[in-house]
Every structure is written in structure tokens, then in C-alpha cells.
Protein backbone atom coordinates (compact mmCIF):
# COMPACT_ATOMS: atom_id res chain seq x y z
CA GLN A 1 -0.25 -0.15 0.03
CA THR A 2 1.42 3.73 -0.63
CA ILE A 3 2.52 5.62 2.74
CA THR A 4 2.54 9.39 2.26
CA GLY A 5 2.90 12.57 4.11
CA THR A 6 5.06 15.84 4.56
CA THR A 7 7.51 16.05 7.00
CA LYS A 8 7.04 20.00 8.60
CA ASP A 9 8.97 21.92 11.66
CA GLU A 10 7.33 23.52 14.37
CA LYS A 11 6.08 26.14 12.16
CA GLY A 12 4.35 24.14 9.34
CA SER A 13 7.01 24.88 6.80
CA PRO A 14 8.26 21.87 4.80
CA LEU A 15 11.60 19.85 6.10
CA PRO A 16 13.71 18.40 3.84
CA PHE A 17 15.01 15.27 3.77
CA VAL A 18 13.99 13.66 7.07
CA THR A 19 14.78 10.54 7.93
CA VAL A 20 12.11 7.94 7.73
CA TYR A 21 12.47 4.56 9.53
CA ILE A 22 10.34 1.33 9.50
CA LYS A 23 11.90 -0.68 12.41
CA GLU A 24 9.99 -4.35 10.94
CA THR A 25 11.54 -3.87 7.35
CA ARG A 26 14.40 -2.24 8.52
CA PHE A 27 13.81 0.47 5.54
CA GLY A 28 14.88 3.94 5.89
CA THR A 29 14.01 6.46 3.37
CA LEU A 30 13.55 10.43 3.37
CA SER A 31 11.78 13.35 2.84
CA ASN A 32 13.27 15.20 -0.56
CA LYS A 33 13.12 19.04 -0.95
CA ASP A 34 10.09 19.73 -0.31
CA GLY A 35 9.39 17.51 2.89
CA ILE A 36 6.98 14.80 1.07
CA TYR A 37 8.22 11.20 1.42
CA TYR A 38 6.35 8.18 0.35
CA LEU A 39 7.20 4.33 0.15
CA MET A 40 4.91 0.73 -0.44
CA LEU A 41 3.99 -1.34 2.41
CA ASN A 42 2.04 -4.44 3.52
CA GLU A 43 -1.27 -3.53 5.26
CA GLY A 44 -0.32 -4.23 8.99
CA THR A 45 0.93 -1.80 11.99
CA TYR A 46 4.30 -0.54 11.75
CA ASN A 47 6.47 1.46 14.51
CA VAL A 48 8.06 4.53 12.12
CA THR A 49 11.06 6.68 13.79
CA TYR A 50 11.75 9.91 12.12
CA GLN A 51 14.87 11.98 12.57
CA CYS A 52 17.03 14.75 10.99
CA LEU A 53 19.58 16.31 12.53
CA GLY A 54 19.06 19.15 14.61
CA TYR A 55 15.63 18.29 16.05
CA GLU A 56 12.94 15.81 18.22
CA THR A 57 13.09 12.46 16.79
CA VAL A 58 9.42 11.47 16.43
CA GLU A 59 8.27 7.95 16.95
CA LYS A 60 4.85 7.35 16.02
CA GLN A 61 2.98 3.34 15.72
CA ILE A 62 1.12 3.73 12.23
CA LYS A 63 -1.71 1.51 10.85
CA VAL A 64 -1.87 0.42 7.19
CA ILE A 65 -4.87 -0.42 5.44
CA SER A 66 -5.80 -0.54 1.60
CA GLY A 67 -5.28 2.25 -0.74
CA LEU A 68 -3.29 5.98 -0.01
CA ASN A 69 -2.11 6.02 3.28
CA ASN A 70 -1.53 9.60 4.30
CA PHE A 71 0.73 10.49 7.92
CA ASP A 72 2.11 14.03 8.23
CA VAL A 73 4.82 14.40 11.02
CA SER A 74 6.00 17.77 13.06
CA LEU A 75 9.61 18.20 13.83
CA SER A 76 10.24 20.02 17.28
CA LEU A 77 13.50 22.00 17.32
CA ARG A 78 15.89 19.46 19.85
CA PRO A 79 17.83 21.60 22.78
CA TYR A 80 20.88 20.20 23.23
CA GLN A 81 21.31 20.36 27.37
CA ILE A 82 24.85 22.03 28.70
CA PRO A 83 25.86 20.25 31.65
CA ALA A 84 27.18 22.35 34.94
CA VAL A 85 30.31 21.32 34.55
CA THR A 86 31.87 20.57 30.97
CA VAL A 87 35.19 21.09 32.07
CA SER A 88 37.31 18.20 34.01
CA SER A 89 40.02 18.14 36.60
CA SER A 90 42.43 18.47 33.80
CA ASN A 91 41.36 21.73 32.38
CA GLU A 92 40.24 19.86 29.17
CA ASP A 93 36.91 19.99 27.41
CA LYS A 94 34.33 17.75 28.34
CA ALA A 95 34.60 16.33 23.97
CA TYR A 96 37.26 14.52 24.79
CA SER A 97 36.63 12.13 27.38
CA ILE A 98 33.84 10.91 25.17
CA ILE A 99 36.01 10.86 22.22
CA ARG A 100 38.82 8.62 23.03
CA LYS A 101 35.97 6.51 24.17
CA ALA A 102 34.57 6.43 20.96
CA ILE A 103 38.23 5.82 19.48
CA GLY A 104 38.78 3.60 21.56
CA MET A 105 35.56 1.57 20.37
CA ALA A 106 35.85 1.91 16.61
CA SER A 107 37.74 -0.71 16.25
CA TYR A 108 35.22 -2.73 17.49
CA TYR A 109 32.18 -1.25 15.55
CA ARG A 110 34.21 -1.39 12.23
CA ASN A 111 33.83 -4.95 13.12
CA GLN A 112 31.14 -5.69 14.42
CA VAL A 113 29.24 -6.54 11.33
CA GLN A 114 30.36 -9.88 9.58
CA GLU A 115 27.74 -10.45 6.41
CA PHE A 116 25.28 -8.23 5.51
CA SER A 117 22.91 -7.81 2.38
CA SER A 118 21.27 -4.44 1.57
CA GLU A 119 19.12 -2.97 -1.40
CA VAL A 120 20.57 0.59 -1.67
CA TYR A 121 18.28 3.48 -4.13
CA MET A 122 20.66 6.68 -4.70
CA LYS A 123 19.46 9.92 -6.21
CA GLY A 124 22.06 12.20 -7.70
CA THR A 125 20.73 16.09 -9.15
CA LEU A 126 23.49 18.74 -11.06
CA LYS A 127 22.14 21.79 -10.99
CA VAL A 128 24.84 23.66 -14.00
CA ASN A 129 25.34 27.75 -12.71
CA LYS A 130 28.31 28.45 -14.36
CA ILE A 131 30.05 26.97 -17.72
CA SER A 132 33.68 27.45 -18.65
CA TRP A 133 34.23 29.61 -21.51
CA ALA A 134 36.53 26.58 -22.41
CA VAL A 135 34.59 23.90 -22.03
CA LYS A 136 31.84 25.62 -23.92
CA VAL A 137 34.52 25.80 -27.04
CA ALA A 138 35.63 22.36 -25.83
CA THR A 139 32.33 20.79 -26.77
CA ARG A 140 30.25 22.86 -28.84
CA ASN A 141 29.95 20.36 -31.49
CA GLU A 142 28.33 18.34 -29.06
CA LYS A 143 25.26 16.88 -29.51
CA ASN A 144 24.11 16.58 -25.63
CA MET A 145 26.87 18.80 -24.15
CA ILE A 146 25.82 20.44 -20.44
CA LYS A 147 23.51 23.58 -21.00
CA GLU A 148 23.68 26.44 -17.61
CA GLY A 149 20.93 26.40 -15.53
CA SER A 150 19.84 23.00 -16.79
CA LEU A 151 19.16 20.63 -14.39
CA TYR A 152 20.18 17.03 -14.48
CA VAL A 153 18.46 13.70 -12.66
CA GLN A 154 20.02 10.01 -11.81
CA GLU A 155 18.34 7.51 -9.59
CA SER A 156 19.62 3.74 -9.49
CA LEU A 157 18.18 1.28 -7.44
CA ASN A 158 21.80 -1.17 -6.20
CA ASN A 159 21.92 -4.76 -4.12
CA ILE A 160 24.92 -4.07 -2.02
CA HIS A 161 26.43 -7.12 0.10
CA PHE A 162 29.15 -6.51 2.17
CA VAL A 163 31.54 -9.36 3.86
CA ALA A 164 34.27 -8.89 6.01
CA PRO A 165 36.77 -6.55 6.17
CA ASP A 166 35.87 -5.20 2.70
CA LYS A 167 34.59 -7.09 -0.23
CA TYR A 168 31.47 -4.78 -1.47
CA GLU A 169 29.01 -6.76 -4.17
CA GLN A 170 27.26 -3.67 -5.89
CA ASN A 171 24.90 -5.17 -8.43
CA VAL A 172 22.91 -2.11 -10.43
CA LYS A 173 19.29 -3.60 -10.86
CA MET A 174 17.53 -0.20 -11.70
CA ILE A 175 19.11 3.20 -13.15
CA ARG A 176 18.09 5.75 -15.88
CA SER A 177 18.91 9.66 -16.18
CA ASN A 178 19.65 12.64 -18.39
CA PHE A 179 22.77 13.61 -17.95
CA PRO A 180 24.42 14.09 -21.28
CA SER A 181 27.32 11.39 -19.81
CA GLY A 182 24.58 8.78 -19.64
CA GLU A 183 24.33 6.41 -16.85
CA SER A 184 27.26 5.98 -14.60
CA GLU A 185 27.36 3.78 -11.65
CA ASN A 186 27.80 6.37 -9.20
CA ASN A 187 30.61 4.39 -7.73
CA ASP A 188 32.63 7.33 -6.04
CA VAL A 189 29.89 8.42 -4.64
CA MET A 190 28.72 4.93 -3.48
CA GLU A 191 32.76 4.56 -1.75
CA PHE A 192 31.14 6.74 0.37
CA VAL A 193 27.60 5.07 1.23
CA ASN A 194 29.71 1.66 1.66
CA ALA A 195 32.21 2.87 3.85
CA SER A 196 32.14 3.23 7.06
CA LEU A 197 32.89 6.73 9.75
CA TYR A 198 34.77 3.94 12.03
CA GLN A 199 37.87 3.83 9.68
CA PRO A 200 40.52 5.66 9.85
CA LYS A 201 40.37 7.35 6.73
CA ILE A 202 38.25 7.37 3.14
CA GLY A 203 40.52 8.14 0.82
CA ASP A 204 42.99 11.22 1.87
CA ILE A 205 40.31 12.25 4.45
CA ILE A 206 41.30 11.32 7.57
CA LEU A 207 38.05 10.87 9.80
CA PRO A 208 37.35 11.91 13.40
CA LEU A 209 37.76 8.58 15.63
CA ALA A 210 41.07 7.50 13.24
CA PRO A 211 43.13 6.35 16.43
CA TYR A 212 45.38 9.54 15.47
CA ALA A 213 42.78 11.85 14.71
CA MET A 214 43.33 13.72 17.68
CA LYS A 215 46.38 15.12 16.18
CA HIS A 216 44.34 16.86 13.99
CA TYR A 217 41.63 17.44 15.31
CA ASN A 218 39.94 19.78 18.18
CA TYR A 219 36.92 18.55 19.79
CA ARG A 220 33.93 21.07 21.89
CA TYR A 221 31.17 19.53 23.26
CA ALA A 222 28.04 21.10 21.93
CA GLY A 223 25.75 19.40 24.67
CA TYR A 224 23.52 16.44 25.08
CA THR A 225 19.87 14.52 24.47
CA LYS A 226 18.14 11.73 24.83
CA GLN A 227 17.03 9.42 22.85
CA GLY A 228 15.40 6.51 23.21
CA ASP A 229 16.80 4.91 26.29
CA ARG A 230 19.79 6.82 25.42
CA ILE A 231 22.59 9.30 25.93
CA VAL A 232 23.57 10.96 22.89
CA ASN A 233 26.29 13.82 22.77
CA LYS A 234 27.00 16.49 20.18
CA ILE A 235 30.39 16.97 19.80
CA ARG A 236 32.03 19.82 17.43
CA VAL A 237 34.65 18.59 15.15
CA ILE A 238 37.58 21.56 14.25
CA PRO A 239 40.67 20.86 12.58
CA LYS A 240 43.62 22.45 13.76
CA ARG A 241 44.81 23.15 10.45
CA LYS A 242 43.26 24.28 7.00
CA SER A 243 43.46 20.87 5.19
CA LYS A 244 41.72 19.25 2.04
CA GLN A 245 42.38 15.98 4.40
CA LEU A 246 39.75 17.44 7.25
CA LEU A 247 36.53 17.53 8.17
CA GLU A 248 34.47 19.72 10.13
CA GLY A 249 31.32 20.13 11.52
CA TYR A 250 29.63 17.03 14.31
CA ILE A 251 29.77 13.44 14.95
CA TYR A 252 27.20 12.50 17.48
CA ILE A 253 28.22 9.52 20.22
CA ALA A 254 26.55 7.77 22.24
CA ASP A 255 27.19 7.56 26.43
CA ASN A 256 27.89 3.88 27.98
CA TYR A 257 28.40 2.55 24.05
CA TRP A 258 30.48 5.10 22.27
CA ASN A 259 29.18 4.29 18.87
CA ILE A 260 27.76 6.88 16.63
CA HIS A 261 23.76 7.90 16.16
CA SER A 262 24.67 10.43 13.06
CA ALA A 263 27.40 13.03 11.83
CA ASP A 264 26.95 16.21 10.39
CA LEU A 265 30.55 16.22 8.57
CA THR A 266 32.26 19.11 5.79
CA ALA A 267 35.10 18.65 3.05
CA GLN A 268 36.92 21.65 1.31
CA THR A 269 38.18 19.56 -1.03
CA VAL A 270 39.36 20.30 -4.90
CA ILE A 271 35.65 20.14 -6.32
CA GLY A 272 34.48 22.56 -3.78
CA THR A 273 32.97 22.22 -0.25
CA ILE A 274 31.06 18.72 0.31
CA GLN A 275 28.76 18.09 3.26
CA VAL A 276 27.68 14.86 4.07
CA LYS A 277 25.20 14.06 6.69
CA GLN A 278 24.99 10.42 7.63
CA THR A 279 21.59 8.71 10.00
CA PHE A 280 22.23 5.52 12.03
CA ASN A 281 19.88 3.35 13.17
CA GLU A 282 19.34 -0.09 15.70
CA VAL A 283 18.48 -2.32 12.70
CA GLU A 284 19.50 -5.22 14.30
CA LYS A 285 19.28 -5.75 18.53
CA ASN A 286 22.42 -3.29 18.82
CA ILE A 287 23.96 -3.07 15.54
CA TRP A 288 23.49 0.58 14.84
CA LEU A 289 23.93 0.92 11.11
CA PRO A 290 23.39 3.94 8.34
CA VAL A 291 20.25 4.35 6.98
CA SER A 292 19.93 7.85 5.09
CA TYR A 293 23.05 9.42 3.44
CA ASN A 294 22.72 12.75 2.08
CA PHE A 295 25.69 14.78 0.09
CA ASP A 296 25.68 18.83 -0.96
CA ILE A 297 28.11 19.09 -3.00
CA ASN A 298 28.71 22.73 -4.19
CA GLY A 299 30.98 22.85 -7.05
CA LYS A 300 33.65 24.87 -8.23
CA PHE A 301 36.58 23.78 -10.17
CA MET A 302 38.26 25.70 -13.39
CA GLY A 303 36.16 27.95 -14.56
CA ASN A 304 32.49 25.51 -13.71
CA GLU A 305 30.03 25.61 -10.80
CA GLY A 306 27.50 23.54 -10.15
CA ILE A 307 25.51 22.67 -7.15
CA PHE A 308 25.41 18.49 -6.53
CA ASN A 309 22.87 16.56 -4.50
CA TYR A 310 22.76 12.89 -3.81
CA VAL A 311 20.36 11.14 -1.10
CA SER A 312 20.41 7.67 -1.03
CA SER A 313 18.14 5.56 1.24
CA VAL A 314 19.30 1.98 2.78
CA LYS A 315 16.60 -1.26 3.29
CA TYR A 316 18.97 -3.70 5.22
CA LYS A 317 17.54 -7.39 4.32
CA SER A 318 20.00 -9.42 6.57
CA VAL A 319 22.76 -8.97 9.17
CA VAL A 320 24.69 -10.99 10.34
CA LEU A 321 26.58 -10.27 13.74
CA ASN A 322 30.33 -11.40 13.77
CA THR A 323 30.73 -13.61 16.84
CA ASN A 324 34.17 -13.94 16.46
CA ILE A 325 34.47 -11.16 17.98
CA THR A 326 34.23 -11.00 22.17
CA PRO A 327 31.36 -7.48 22.89
CA PRO A 328 32.87 -5.59 26.20
CA ALA A 329 30.21 -6.31 29.32
CA ASN A 330 28.15 -3.27 28.62
CA LEU A 331 27.69 -4.03 24.68
CA ALA A 332 26.67 -7.74 25.29
CA LYS A 333 24.37 -6.99 28.02
CA ALA A 334 22.41 -5.57 25.50
CA PHE A 335 22.25 -7.84 23.25
CA ASN A 336 18.98 -10.24 22.89
CA GLU A 337 18.89 -13.20 23.81
CA ALA A 338 19.27 -15.17 20.81
CA GLN A 339 22.87 -13.03 20.50
CA LYS A 340 23.75 -14.03 23.45
CA GLU A 341 22.82 -17.66 23.06
CA GLU A 342 25.05 -17.49 19.80
CA LEU A 343 27.98 -15.30 21.14
CA ASN A 344 28.53 -17.82 24.15
CA GLU A 345 28.25 -20.73 21.56
CA LYS A 346 30.77 -19.10 19.08
CA ASN A 347 33.11 -18.97 22.58
CA VAL A 348 32.88 -22.50 23.55
CA THR A 349 34.28 -23.45 20.12
CA ILE A 350 37.01 -21.22 19.75
CA GLN A 351 37.89 -21.84 23.36
CA LYS A 352 37.57 -25.13 23.06
CA ASN A 353 40.03 -24.67 19.64
CA LYS A 354 43.01 -22.74 21.74
CA THR A 355 46.04 -23.36 23.78
CA PRO A 356 46.22 -22.27 27.50
CA LYS A 357 48.47 -19.70 26.55
CA GLN A 358 46.29 -18.35 24.31
CA LEU A 359 43.15 -18.56 26.68
CA LYS A 360 45.51 -16.30 29.18
CA LYS A 361 46.54 -13.87 26.94
CA GLU A 362 43.08 -13.24 25.93
CA GLN A 363 41.66 -13.24 29.31
CA LYS A 364 44.15 -10.77 30.81
CA ARG A 365 42.94 -8.78 27.02
CA LYS A 366 39.53 -8.88 28.21
CA GLU A 367 39.86 -7.77 31.53
CA GLN A 368 42.33 -5.71 30.02
CA ILE A 369 39.52 -3.94 28.23
CA GLU A 370 36.93 -3.90 30.65
CA GLU A 371 39.16 -1.73 33.16
CA LEU A 372 39.82 0.75 30.36
CA ILE A 373 35.91 1.50 29.40
CA GLN A 374 35.02 1.35 33.06
CA LYS A 375 37.13 4.15 33.82
CA ASP A 376 35.79 7.73 33.41
CA GLU A 377 38.28 9.36 31.53
CA LEU A 378 41.35 7.80 30.29
CA THR A 379 44.69 9.40 28.73
CA ASN A 380 45.58 9.93 25.07
CA ARG A 381 47.82 6.66 25.96
CA GLU A 382 45.13 4.52 27.42
CA MET A 383 43.07 5.47 24.17
CA ILE A 384 45.76 4.30 21.64
CA LYS A 385 45.78 0.89 24.66
CA LEU A 386 42.23 0.34 24.30
CA SER A 387 42.10 0.28 20.19
CA GLN A 388 45.01 -1.52 20.08
CA LEU A 389 43.50 -3.90 22.35
CA MET A 390 40.32 -4.15 20.18
CA GLU A 391 42.09 -4.11 16.90
CA LYS A 392 43.61 -7.59 18.55
CA ASN A 393 40.27 -8.81 19.07
CA ALA A 394 39.51 -8.30 15.88
CA ILE A 395 42.63 -9.27 13.82
CA GLN A 396 41.48 -13.04 14.54
CA THR A 397 38.74 -12.37 12.09
CA ARG A 398 40.98 -11.25 9.02
CA ASP A 399 44.04 -11.60 7.19
CA THR A 400 46.43 -9.16 8.98
CA SER A 401 48.84 -9.22 6.23
CA ARG A 402 45.84 -6.02 5.23
CA ILE A 403 45.57 -4.02 8.06
CA LYS A 404 49.57 -2.86 9.22
CA ASN A 405 48.43 0.14 9.30
CA LEU A 406 44.84 0.19 10.20
CA GLU A 407 43.83 1.11 7.26
CA VAL A 408 40.22 -1.22 5.36
CA LYS A 409 41.51 -1.79 1.52
CA ARG A 410 38.07 -2.17 0.20
CA SER A 411 37.36 -4.66 -2.70
CA HIS A 412 34.14 -3.99 -5.03
CA LYS A 413 32.92 -5.78 -7.85
CA VAL A 414 30.20 -3.74 -9.78
CA THR A 415 27.53 -6.13 -11.91
CA VAL A 416 24.70 -3.95 -13.75
CA ASP A 417 21.80 -5.98 -15.23
CA SER A 418 21.06 -6.54 -19.01
CA SER A 419 17.71 -5.17 -17.98
CA ALA A 420 19.03 -2.35 -15.50
CA ARG A 421 18.50 0.53 -18.59
CA ILE A 422 15.05 -0.56 -19.62
CA ILE A 423 12.94 2.08 -18.98
CA ASP A 424 9.61 1.21 -17.09
CA THR A 425 7.82 4.20 -15.20
CA ALA A 426 5.08 2.42 -13.26
CA ARG A 427 8.38 -0.15 -11.55
CA TRP A 428 9.87 3.21 -10.74
CA ASN A 429 6.94 4.15 -9.23
CA VAL A 430 7.28 1.20 -6.69
CA ILE A 431 10.61 0.88 -5.84
CA ARG A 432 11.62 3.95 -5.29
CA PRO A 433 11.64 5.55 -1.71
CA VAL A 434 12.23 9.21 -2.44
CA ALA A 435 9.98 11.08 -3.53
CA LEU A 436 11.10 13.05 -6.99
CA THR A 437 10.05 17.00 -6.35
CA SER A 438 7.97 18.66 -9.39
CA ASP A 439 11.77 19.94 -11.23
CA GLU A 440 12.83 15.88 -11.24
CA THR A 441 9.66 14.55 -12.06
CA LYS A 442 9.57 17.07 -15.08
CA ILE A 443 13.12 15.96 -16.09
CA ILE A 444 12.03 12.19 -15.73
CA GLU A 445 9.12 12.82 -18.25
CA GLN A 446 11.15 14.39 -20.87
CA LYS A 447 13.95 11.81 -21.15
CA ILE A 448 10.97 9.19 -21.07
CA GLU A 449 9.54 11.72 -23.50
CA LYS A 450 13.18 11.80 -25.91
CA ASN A 451 13.64 8.00 -25.61
CA ASN A 452 10.18 7.57 -26.83
CA GLU A 453 10.58 9.74 -30.00
CA ASP A 454 14.18 7.90 -30.42
CA SER A 455 12.68 4.78 -30.75
CA LEU A 456 10.28 6.19 -32.82
CA GLU A 457 12.75 7.19 -35.33
């Protein structure tokens, strides 16, 4: 059945790019620039979460009946409270005690999932503001040259299969575009979608939770708020110097668990300013993964100017917990009974295959991890030690020769279905989770008309 609605702010104005997450289907989508969202669900009762950075999270239970179902929602601004004391005994900003725990735990969360399958919808738009004379001269005889003031749209539906530590298989199921260069698989953007903020780097960009991040970033505490049963801290990320390798913005970290809840980060690159917003949700008990992305690129390169926007929604079909890694006690308590049983069974099997010396080392490492996690504040040395201990836990699940510098080198295989470029409007209208704007709809219709004319010729 069709589910639609408008996401609005307190004043009733449309609120764009709100994540709409359906707990029962492990599916997240986004409202468009006009605040409109829609998706398809079977009849029944569902729990829906509406999330937008800077706004209160709204949770609703909806009943889907036959036909068109409309569910509008209003989100109010989220106040972030500042504790009375935000400076530690060492005259250090409160953010550092949180970030040190998050950096120490990053290796665990990067390796927490052994395997997953997901369906990723991606829509990219380009508004061309200015074309340099050099490009105009070079393309003056081309039939499909890019035009100033024009809007270009591409959308694709992809199946992603991930196997730890670094294997991604991308199958392009559907794709269409009015870009002059034709349909491409958007692999540059997909690299960001597949990448993890728990990695030390994405390409040349140093991430805020890298083991060596404190050499490159300052952090400022910006308050906290409660989301469900968790306290989420807002941390401002500030580069120590101007560099195209560094980010700035905000990262949101959960107390006691030290995992990422969302991020709003900006990079200054050779092609312009790139802003990435990423929203996480609990796709399995105590397993938080990204469910939506919003990339805004204000491009300026060699006299050419344009505004790119990519939005992406992720539906997780299956998620497999990495039971080879023993989670810290505070995380293990939060798992459901099935996960706990699986972890215990795996642990018994592992113990049987190890020597007393190996078991003694692992027990000592486990005790050291628990001791460090229980500390209210970590020093830089303790942070590095926790990170190294977590990394050693992860090493047993993958080839150690590939992680000497702690960087994850991904292998990305792309295949395209033979029918992926066949335009079927009815099919697109059913599977598209992010509503098109009126301008985007017009562009798509013009593309269809042109293709029909070409086929008649």
C-alpha cells in the first residue's frame, strides 16, 4: 500500500531530508526537498521513527490499510542541554573524554558486523550554474553538451552484499539518467556510502575517530539529549589546520556504548565543498548502521560551477553479527537472548581450539579492555591502548597482512543487470523510496519522451 506524508517543522514549513525509518522492515527513506516522502508497505501495523539532525526524534505507530495512507509529521527543534560542569579536572573540554572512548571502541564497531545484504536507492541531481569558456569551446559541436541553468537527474537501485572485512559486491538493478554522459554507476559516491565512519580514513580524508585523529582535530562539547534509552552527546569537530584531508562539523556519540548515532561533516576539496549527513538506526538489537545519506556538493572547478546533491536510503535485508569478536561486557548485556546464545556458543567453540597460553592472553586482554572502558576518563595513552586491544580482537577474524596501518582496503565489484536501463515508469513508481520533486518529475518525463521519440525514429 502507498504511504505518503509531509515532514514539517514547528512553524508548519516543509522540512527536507528527514529520515523515515520503519523498524519492522529495517528500511530507511528520506523526505525530498519539499518535505514529501512515500514508500510501499503491506497492510498492517508498523513502528515509524522520524529523524532529522537538529530536531527531536518522533516515534509513531501507524496502521496501514488498503489504498493511500497519509501520515504527516511535525518535528520540533531539539534542545541540547549543557551540564553545569563541562571541564574536567585537567581543564580539558568534556568532549575529549567522550571522543577517547569512541576512538578506543571504533575498531570493535568497524568489525561488529560479519556480513549484510542491503538494497540501496540513490538519487543524484546536478544544477549547472556556470560553464567555463574552455568547456564551451571544447563541447560546442557535441549534441548532448551540458547547458547552463539545466537540471540533471540520475537514480539507481542497487543490491549490496558485504562480507567482512572489505568485500563489497554491487549489483545495479535499475538505473536511469538524463546526464549528457549517460548512465554511470555512481561508484565515487557509492564508495562513501559503503565506507564506515569508524575507519581511520576515506581516501585521503582523515576521519574524526581515527587512532591518530587527535593530532589533526580539536573537539568541543556541544551538549547532550536523550534518544530512547540512550544519552547522545553532540561533539563539534574542528580541524587544527586548513587541509583538504580534514573534516569539520558535528558527530553524535552515545554515552556508555560510544557508538555513532549520526554525523554532519563537511570537507573542503579540490572540486568544492562537500557536506555529508549520515543517520544511523538500530537495524538489529544493539547493531546501529547507517540508514540514510545526504551529500551536498557546492562544486567550483576551473571556472565551472554547479550544485550536486545525492540522497541515498538503505534497506537491510539481512545482518549477521560477527561472533568471532567478544564484545565488552556493557555491550553484551544489551544484546537480545538469541545474540547472547550465539555469542556463547561461538565462544565455547573458540575456547576448545586454543592452547592454555592463548586463552590466558585473551583473558588478560579482556580484563584490560573492561578496566579501560570502566574508567570515567582515558588519557591519550590509554585511548591508544584500548584501540590496540580492540584491534587485536578483530585481527583473529581477518588477514593480518592487510591491516598493518589500520586502514581498510575495500574490494568493490560492480555488475549491471542487462535490463537495468530499460525505462519502466510504473516499476520505478513502486520501488522509488525517495519522492521526486516537481522539477525532477518534469526532467524524468522529458527523458522518457525523448527516448520514445528516438525509438520511433
